[in-house]
């Protein structure tokens, strides 16, 4: 059996991205499958997926097979759940945390010019898109917020370097940004 096909089966049934270490763990040492062979098979799988409705995507946590964005409208019809809509405050808060981390709630409020609703931060924490990185050495020791690996995985990013520039984001309107988020 081809390694590429075995990896495809593993990734199709995985409920989260799998790292090279995790993929390597599927093969007993006596089979003698080196990491380089797994990496090569993943590259072949990626090429093989180019003519398919799904793609091999590498995120911060590893590799996963996912539906291509252009097919999401049909795939979402399987679900009775409507895609989540995000408020402007939610998106602005998430963007500030992503681009300026670590950042405190007061710093977010200073940039936005309005108070941050506690529910926005709570939702970001519950979704595991944001976490507390530590506390700033100021009176009250405010929490410093930053994004998580789950945030990177959700938005198909390998690292924060893959984020669009602030100039690109500022030129996007909220509806276009909503569609971009829903396609992720």
Protein backbone atom coordinates (compact mmCIF):
# COMPACT_ATOMS: atom_id res chain seq x y z
CA UNK A 1 0.00 0.00 0.00
CA UNK A 2 1.31 3.47 -0.86
CA UNK A 3 2.36 5.72 2.01
CA UNK A 4 0.48 8.61 0.40
CA UNK A 5 -2.79 6.63 0.51
CA UNK A 6 -2.23 5.60 4.13
CA UNK A 7 -1.58 9.22 5.14
CA UNK A 8 -4.71 10.29 3.27
CA UNK A 9 -6.80 7.76 5.25
CA UNK A 10 -5.24 8.90 8.54
CA UNK A 11 -5.84 12.59 7.81
CA UNK A 12 -9.38 12.03 6.51
CA UNK A 13 -10.39 10.43 9.80
CA UNK A 14 -8.48 12.75 12.14
CA UNK A 15 -10.55 15.29 14.04
CA UNK A 16 -7.69 17.79 14.25
CA UNK A 17 -4.46 18.63 12.41
CA UNK A 18 -1.68 16.09 12.93
CA UNK A 19 1.99 17.02 13.26
CA UNK A 20 4.83 15.14 11.58
CA UNK A 21 5.65 13.58 14.97
CA UNK A 22 2.07 12.35 15.33
CA UNK A 23 1.99 10.99 11.78
CA UNK A 24 5.32 9.25 12.37
CA UNK A 25 3.77 7.61 15.44
CA UNK A 26 1.28 5.73 13.26
CA UNK A 27 4.10 3.59 11.89
CA UNK A 28 5.97 1.11 14.11
CA UNK A 29 9.75 1.60 14.16
CA UNK A 30 10.27 -1.83 12.60
CA UNK A 31 8.54 -0.61 9.42
CA UNK A 32 11.46 1.79 9.03
CA UNK A 33 9.52 4.68 7.51
CA UNK A 34 11.67 7.80 7.87
CA UNK A 35 10.29 11.28 8.46
CA UNK A 36 11.61 12.31 5.03
CA UNK A 37 9.41 9.65 3.39
CA UNK A 38 6.37 10.96 5.28
CA UNK A 39 7.19 14.51 4.27
CA UNK A 40 7.61 13.42 0.62
CA UNK A 41 4.32 11.49 0.70
CA UNK A 42 2.56 14.58 2.10
CA UNK A 43 3.92 16.65 -0.79
CA UNK A 44 2.65 14.03 -3.26
CA UNK A 45 -0.71 13.98 -1.52
CA UNK A 46 -0.91 17.76 -1.77
CA UNK A 47 -0.30 17.60 -5.52
CA UNK A 48 -2.83 14.77 -5.91
CA UNK A 49 -5.46 16.88 -4.12
CA UNK A 50 -5.11 19.76 -6.61
CA UNK A 51 -7.85 18.30 -8.83
CA UNK A 52 -10.08 17.38 -5.88
CA UNK A 53 -12.71 19.25 -3.86
CA UNK A 54 -10.45 18.99 -0.82
CA UNK A 55 -6.90 20.11 -0.09
CA UNK A 56 -4.03 19.24 2.20
CA UNK A 57 -3.48 22.21 4.47
CA UNK A 58 -0.61 22.76 6.88
CA UNK A 59 -1.49 24.80 9.95
CA UNK A 60 0.36 25.62 13.15
CA UNK A 61 -0.62 22.24 14.67
CA UNK A 62 0.11 20.11 11.63
CA UNK A 63 -1.58 18.78 8.52
CA UNK A 64 -5.25 18.24 7.75
CA UNK A 65 -7.45 17.50 4.77
CA UNK A 66 -10.23 20.03 4.35
CA UNK A 67 -12.82 21.12 1.84
CA UNK A 68 -11.62 23.81 -0.53
CA UNK A 69 -13.17 27.22 0.17
CA UNK A 70 -14.99 27.34 -3.16
CA UNK A 71 -17.09 24.29 -2.14
CA UNK A 72 -18.05 25.52 1.33
CA UNK A 73 -21.45 26.88 0.24
CA UNK A 74 -22.58 23.36 -0.70
CA UNK A 75 -20.95 21.59 2.19
CA UNK A 76 -22.53 23.94 4.72
CA UNK A 77 -25.95 22.82 3.53
CA UNK A 78 -25.33 19.56 5.42
CA UNK A 79 -25.55 21.43 8.67
CA UNK A 80 -28.64 22.92 10.25
CA UNK A 81 -26.41 25.37 12.11
CA UNK A 82 -26.01 28.77 10.53
CA UNK A 83 -22.46 30.09 10.39
CA UNK A 84 -21.53 32.38 13.26
CA UNK A 85 -21.77 36.11 12.58
CA UNK A 86 -19.23 38.29 14.30
CA UNK A 87 -19.81 41.83 15.47
CA UNK A 88 -17.51 44.65 14.46
CA UNK A 89 -16.35 44.93 18.10
CA UNK A 90 -15.53 41.21 18.17
CA UNK A 91 -13.53 41.40 14.92
CA UNK A 92 -11.69 44.58 15.93
CA UNK A 93 -10.77 43.09 19.30
CA UNK A 94 -9.54 39.84 17.72
CA UNK A 95 -7.55 41.77 15.11
CA UNK A 96 -5.87 43.95 17.74
CA UNK A 97 -4.94 40.91 19.80
CA UNK A 98 -3.58 39.09 16.72
CA UNK A 99 -1.49 41.98 15.39
CA UNK A 100 -0.37 43.64 18.61
CA UNK A 101 0.06 40.75 21.04
CA UNK A 102 0.74 40.70 23.85
CA UNK A 103 -1.87 43.37 24.53
CA UNK A 104 -3.97 44.32 27.54
CA UNK A 105 -7.67 45.09 27.58
CA UNK A 106 -6.87 48.75 28.40
CA UNK A 107 -4.59 48.97 25.35
CA UNK A 108 -7.36 47.52 23.16
CA UNK A 109 -9.78 50.09 24.58
CA UNK A 110 -7.27 52.88 23.96
CA UNK A 111 -6.93 51.95 20.28
CA UNK A 112 -10.65 51.33 19.71
CA UNK A 113 -11.71 54.37 21.73
CA UNK A 114 -14.47 52.43 23.49
CA UNK A 115 -14.70 49.91 26.32
CA UNK A 116 -14.29 46.24 25.42
CA UNK A 117 -17.38 44.24 26.29
CA UNK A 118 -16.41 41.48 28.73
CA UNK A 119 -18.42 39.00 26.65
CA UNK A 120 -16.14 39.59 23.64
CA UNK A 121 -13.04 38.60 25.62
CA UNK A 122 -14.95 35.73 27.25
CA UNK A 123 -16.04 34.38 23.84
CA UNK A 124 -12.51 34.62 22.45
CA UNK A 125 -11.19 32.73 25.47
CA UNK A 126 -13.96 30.09 25.23
CA UNK A 127 -13.27 29.55 21.52
CA UNK A 128 -9.61 29.06 22.47
CA UNK A 129 -8.58 31.70 19.94
CA UNK A 130 -7.05 33.87 22.69
CA UNK A 131 -5.26 33.09 25.93
CA UNK A 132 -3.71 34.97 28.82
CA UNK A 133 0.03 35.17 28.18
CA UNK A 134 0.86 36.70 31.54
CA UNK A 135 0.35 39.87 33.52
CA UNK A 136 1.80 43.30 32.85
CA UNK A 137 3.90 44.84 35.58
CA UNK A 138 1.47 47.71 36.22
CA UNK A 139 -0.88 48.44 39.10
CA UNK A 140 -3.65 45.86 39.02
CA UNK A 141 -1.42 43.52 36.98
CA UNK A 142 -3.67 43.47 33.87
CA UNK A 143 -3.77 40.35 31.75
CA UNK A 144 -1.75 40.32 28.54
CA UNK A 145 -3.67 38.59 25.76
CA UNK A 146 -2.37 36.72 22.73
CA UNK A 147 -3.61 34.25 20.15
CA UNK A 148 -3.42 30.46 20.42
CA UNK A 149 -2.43 27.61 18.14
CA UNK A 150 -6.17 26.91 17.78
CA UNK A 151 -6.62 30.43 16.36
CA UNK A 152 -3.91 29.71 13.78
CA UNK A 153 -5.49 26.35 12.91
CA UNK A 154 -8.99 27.81 12.56
CA UNK A 155 -7.79 30.49 10.15
CA UNK A 156 -5.46 28.12 8.23
CA UNK A 157 -2.27 29.85 9.32
CA UNK A 158 1.10 28.23 9.97
CA UNK A 159 2.29 31.22 11.99
CA UNK A 160 1.40 34.84 12.74
CA UNK A 161 3.65 35.81 9.83
CA UNK A 162 0.89 34.49 7.53
CA UNK A 163 -1.56 37.17 8.73
CA UNK A 164 -2.43 39.79 6.13
CA UNK A 165 -0.86 43.18 6.71
CA UNK A 166 -2.74 45.79 8.70
CA UNK A 167 -2.99 47.90 5.54
CA UNK A 168 -4.80 45.02 3.77
CA UNK A 169 -7.18 44.57 6.70
CA UNK A 170 -7.94 48.29 6.98
CA UNK A 171 -8.96 48.35 3.32
CA UNK A 172 -11.40 45.42 3.78
CA UNK A 173 -15.00 46.12 4.62
CA UNK A 174 -16.69 44.20 7.43
CA UNK A 175 -18.91 42.13 5.10
CA UNK A 176 -15.89 40.94 3.11
CA UNK A 177 -14.05 40.11 6.34
CA UNK A 178 -17.10 38.18 7.57
CA UNK A 179 -17.11 36.11 4.37
CA UNK A 180 -13.38 35.48 4.74
CA UNK A 181 -13.88 34.26 8.31
CA UNK A 182 -16.83 32.06 7.35
CA UNK A 183 -14.84 30.44 4.55
CA UNK A 184 -12.13 29.42 7.03
